[in-house]
Protein backbone atom coordinates (compact mmCIF):
# COMPACT_ATOMS: atom_id res chain seq x y z
CA MET A 1 -12.50 -37.66 -40.27
CA GLY A 2 -16.17 -37.20 -41.30
CA ALA A 3 -17.13 -40.76 -40.26
CA VAL A 4 -15.71 -40.17 -36.79
CA ILE A 5 -17.72 -37.00 -36.39
CA VAL A 6 -20.91 -38.76 -37.60
CA ALA A 7 -20.31 -41.63 -35.22
CA ALA A 8 -19.69 -39.30 -32.29
CA ALA A 9 -22.85 -37.35 -33.08
CA ALA A 10 -24.86 -40.64 -33.23
CA VAL A 11 -23.47 -41.72 -29.85
CA ALA A 12 -24.21 -38.33 -28.29
CA LEU A 13 -27.73 -38.35 -29.77
CA SER A 14 -28.57 -41.84 -28.50
CA SER A 15 -27.45 -40.89 -24.95
CA LEU A 16 -29.77 -37.94 -24.71
CA PRO A 17 -32.92 -38.27 -22.59
CA ALA A 18 -36.23 -37.88 -24.35
CA LEU A 19 -37.75 -34.45 -23.86
CA ALA A 20 -41.09 -34.54 -22.07
CA LEU A 21 -43.94 -32.44 -23.46
CA PRO A 22 -46.08 -30.34 -20.99
CA THR A 23 -49.38 -31.93 -20.18
CA GLY A 24 -51.98 -31.31 -22.83
CA VAL A 25 -49.44 -30.40 -25.60
CA VAL A 26 -49.80 -32.57 -28.69
CA GLU A 27 -47.00 -32.82 -31.20
CA ARG A 28 -47.80 -32.40 -34.88
CA HIS A 29 -45.90 -34.28 -37.56
CA CYS A 30 -46.70 -33.25 -41.12
CA VAL A 31 -45.73 -34.48 -44.55
CA ALA A 32 -45.16 -31.98 -47.37
CA ARG A 33 -44.71 -32.47 -51.09
CA LEU A 34 -42.11 -30.65 -53.20
CA PHE A 35 -42.71 -30.02 -56.84
CA PRO A 36 -40.27 -29.67 -59.73
CA GLN A 37 -38.97 -26.09 -60.21
CA THR A 38 -40.83 -25.93 -63.54
CA ALA A 39 -44.24 -26.41 -61.80
CA MET A 40 -43.78 -23.13 -59.91
CA LYS A 41 -46.10 -24.39 -57.12
CA ALA A 42 -45.60 -23.65 -53.45
CA PRO A 43 -45.07 -26.69 -51.27
CA GLU A 44 -48.17 -28.25 -49.87
CA ILE A 45 -48.79 -30.12 -46.63
CA VAL A 46 -50.33 -33.43 -47.63
CA LYS A 47 -51.28 -34.76 -44.20
CA CYS A 48 -50.45 -34.32 -40.49
CA PHE A 49 -50.33 -36.85 -37.65
CA ASP A 50 -50.17 -36.83 -33.90
CA SER A 51 -47.07 -39.07 -33.86
CA PHE A 52 -43.69 -39.18 -35.62
CA ALA A 53 -44.11 -42.95 -36.19
CA ALA A 54 -47.39 -42.39 -38.05
CA SER A 55 -45.85 -39.69 -40.29
CA VAL A 56 -42.91 -41.95 -41.13
CA TYR A 57 -45.23 -44.90 -41.92
CA PHE A 58 -47.24 -42.63 -44.20
CA SER A 59 -44.23 -41.02 -45.92
CA THR A 60 -42.56 -44.38 -46.64
CA ASN A 61 -45.90 -45.86 -47.91
CA GLY A 62 -45.87 -48.37 -45.09
CA ALA A 63 -42.33 -49.52 -45.71
CA VAL A 64 -41.05 -48.33 -42.34
CA LEU A 65 -42.87 -49.01 -39.16
CA LEU A 66 -41.27 -47.39 -36.07
CA ASP A 67 -41.85 -48.42 -32.48
CA PRO A 68 -44.32 -45.71 -31.32
CA SER A 69 -43.23 -46.10 -27.68
CA ALA A 70 -39.48 -45.63 -28.43
CA SER A 71 -37.66 -42.41 -27.83
CA ARG A 72 -37.13 -40.07 -30.81
CA ALA A 73 -33.40 -41.01 -30.86
CA ALA A 74 -34.33 -44.73 -31.04
CA GLN A 75 -37.00 -44.02 -33.72
CA LEU A 76 -34.44 -42.18 -35.84
CA GLU A 77 -31.97 -45.07 -35.49
CA GLN A 78 -34.78 -47.45 -36.67
CA LEU A 79 -35.58 -45.14 -39.57
CA ASP A 80 -31.91 -44.88 -40.62
CA ALA A 81 -31.47 -48.65 -40.43
CA ALA A 82 -34.72 -49.18 -42.41
CA LYS A 83 -33.87 -46.68 -45.08
CA VAL A 84 -31.15 -49.10 -46.34
CA GLY A 85 -33.95 -51.45 -47.35
CA VAL A 86 -36.55 -48.97 -48.54
CA PRO A 87 -37.06 -49.32 -52.38
CA PRO A 88 -36.30 -46.19 -54.40
CA VAL A 89 -39.98 -46.19 -55.57
CA PRO A 90 -42.09 -47.08 -52.53
CA VAL A 91 -45.10 -49.32 -53.05
CA PRO A 92 -48.32 -47.39 -52.31
CA VAL A 93 -50.44 -48.46 -49.37
CA GLY A 94 -54.19 -48.17 -49.68
CA GLY A 95 -56.93 -47.99 -47.04
CA ALA A 96 -59.10 -45.45 -45.40
CA ASP A 97 -56.62 -44.48 -42.66
CA PHE A 98 -53.73 -43.51 -44.93
CA ASP A 99 -53.82 -41.85 -48.32
CA THR A 100 -50.86 -42.64 -50.49
CA ILE A 101 -47.81 -40.54 -51.41
CA GLY A 102 -47.49 -42.44 -54.71
CA ALA A 103 -43.87 -42.80 -55.90
CA ASP A 104 -42.49 -39.94 -53.81
CA VAL A 105 -39.52 -40.52 -51.45
CA GLN A 106 -38.37 -38.73 -48.31
CA VAL A 107 -35.66 -36.06 -49.02
CA GLY A 108 -35.54 -34.67 -45.48
CA ILE A 109 -37.20 -34.08 -42.18
CA ASP A 110 -37.19 -30.68 -40.45
CA PHE A 111 -37.70 -30.53 -36.64
CA SER A 112 -38.92 -27.69 -34.48
CA ASP A 113 -36.48 -28.30 -31.65
CA TYR A 114 -32.77 -29.20 -31.41
CA HIS A 115 -31.65 -32.81 -31.38
CA TYR A 116 -34.52 -33.81 -33.72
CA GLN A 117 -37.25 -33.20 -31.11
CA GLY A 118 -40.55 -31.48 -31.23
CA ASN A 119 -42.82 -31.21 -34.27
CA SER A 120 -41.62 -32.53 -37.60
CA LEU A 121 -42.10 -31.76 -41.28
CA THR A 122 -41.18 -34.56 -43.67
CA TRP A 123 -40.37 -33.34 -47.16
CA MET A 124 -41.34 -35.69 -50.11
CA ALA A 125 -40.24 -35.38 -53.73
CA PRO A 126 -40.69 -37.47 -56.90
CA SER A 127 -37.04 -38.60 -56.55
CA GLY A 128 -33.98 -38.20 -54.47
CA CYS A 129 -31.12 -35.83 -55.25
CA SER A 130 -28.43 -36.57 -57.84
CA SER A 131 -25.86 -34.81 -59.87
CA THR A 132 -28.71 -33.66 -62.22
CA VAL A 133 -31.61 -33.39 -59.70
CA HIS A 134 -32.01 -31.01 -56.82
CA TRP A 135 -35.06 -29.79 -54.92
CA ALA A 136 -36.02 -26.44 -53.55
CA THR A 137 -38.88 -24.59 -51.98
CA PRO A 138 -38.93 -20.72 -52.13
CA THR A 139 -41.29 -20.59 -49.11
CA MET A 140 -42.17 -22.73 -46.13
CA PRO A 141 -45.67 -23.90 -45.31
CA ALA A 142 -47.25 -21.17 -43.10
CA THR A 143 -46.99 -23.13 -39.87
CA TRP A 144 -43.28 -23.82 -40.53
CA ASN A 145 -41.93 -20.40 -41.40
CA ASP A 146 -39.21 -19.50 -38.83
CA VAL A 147 -39.51 -22.74 -36.92
CA VAL A 148 -36.65 -25.13 -37.89
CA SER A 149 -34.01 -26.04 -35.30
CA SER A 150 -32.65 -29.27 -36.62
CA ALA A 151 -32.90 -31.42 -39.76
CA ARG A 152 -32.07 -34.81 -41.31
CA ALA A 153 -31.60 -35.43 -45.07
CA TYR A 154 -32.35 -38.65 -47.04
CA SER A 155 -32.38 -40.03 -50.56
CA GLY A 156 -28.99 -38.73 -51.65
CA CYS A 157 -29.78 -35.16 -50.58
CA THR A 158 -26.57 -34.68 -48.63
CA THR A 159 -26.45 -30.82 -48.75
CA TRP A 160 -29.46 -29.09 -47.30
CA LEU A 161 -29.50 -25.30 -47.31
CA HIS A 162 -31.76 -23.38 -44.98
CA TYR A 163 -32.26 -19.69 -45.89
CA GLN A 164 -33.39 -16.92 -43.53
CA ASP A 165 -35.64 -15.29 -46.10
CA GLU A 166 -38.10 -16.43 -48.80
CA ASN A 167 -36.71 -17.03 -52.28
CA TYR A 168 -33.34 -18.15 -50.97
CA GLY A 169 -32.28 -14.81 -49.44
CA GLY A 170 -30.61 -13.62 -46.28
CA ASP A 171 -28.33 -15.69 -44.13
CA VAL A 172 -27.95 -19.39 -44.98
CA ALA A 173 -27.01 -22.51 -43.00
CA THR A 174 -26.05 -25.91 -44.31
CA CYS A 175 -27.89 -28.27 -42.03
CA THR A 176 -28.48 -31.92 -41.90
CA CYS A 177 -27.65 -31.52 -38.19
CA TYR A 178 -28.87 -31.84 -34.64
CA TYR A 179 -28.79 -28.01 -34.14
CA ILE A 180 -28.87 -25.41 -36.91
CA GLY A 181 -26.99 -22.82 -34.74
CA ASP A 182 -27.96 -19.79 -32.80
CA ALA A 183 -27.86 -17.43 -35.83
CA MET A 184 -30.38 -19.50 -37.84
CA ASN A 185 -32.43 -21.10 -35.12
CA ASP A 186 -36.12 -20.56 -35.89
CA GLN A 187 -35.20 -18.51 -38.99
CA THR A 188 -35.77 -20.80 -41.96
CA SER A 189 -38.02 -19.35 -44.66
CA SER A 190 -36.84 -21.26 -47.80
CA GLU A 191 -34.73 -24.40 -48.47
CA GLU A 192 -32.74 -26.26 -51.13
CA TRP A 193 -31.52 -29.83 -51.33
CA TYR A 194 -28.47 -31.02 -53.35
CA SER A 195 -26.59 -34.27 -53.72
CA SER A 196 -23.30 -32.65 -52.54
C-alpha cells in the first residue's frame, strides 16, 4: 500500500506547474551542518546559494549536477535518481567557487513552501540514519524558525519529526512530505531524524 501512495504522490508532484516568483525575488538555498548530540552545538549554516541546483551540487560534493533550467519537480526527480549512485562518503570537491562539506551526507531538505517549492535548507550530517544513529537539532537556524512547509529525507532517515517549539516541544508532525499540514505549516522550531 505504501508504494502505491508514494507512486501517486510522485505522479501528482510531477504534474504540478512550477510556481513563478514575483519579479525581483531571489530564492535562497542554504546548506546546514548537524553535529553529534554530544557536541552540544547549534546547527550552523555553512553556505547559501541563489539556486537549488547549486546547493545540491555543493551538498553532494559535486556528485549530483541538476539541470538548473528544469522545474523543481524535475530537479527532485534527478536528485532522487542520482542518490542511488552517490557514494556513502562523498569525494570532496576543491576550488575557489565551492568549499567542501567533507564526508558529510544529506539527511534531508526543508522547503519554505508546499510541494517542495520556495527556499530550501539542506541538512548535512557525518552519516545517514541507522538503528544506532539518529540526528537532531534543538533549534533551527534563525532564518528558518517557523518557516518549513514541506520536506524530503535522505540517507536512511525515513522518519523526520518537526516540532513546534525548540528543544522538541509542542505539537509534532512526521514529515518527509509535500505538505506538513495546516496545524504545523510555518511552525517548525526543532527537528529529529530517525531510520524508522
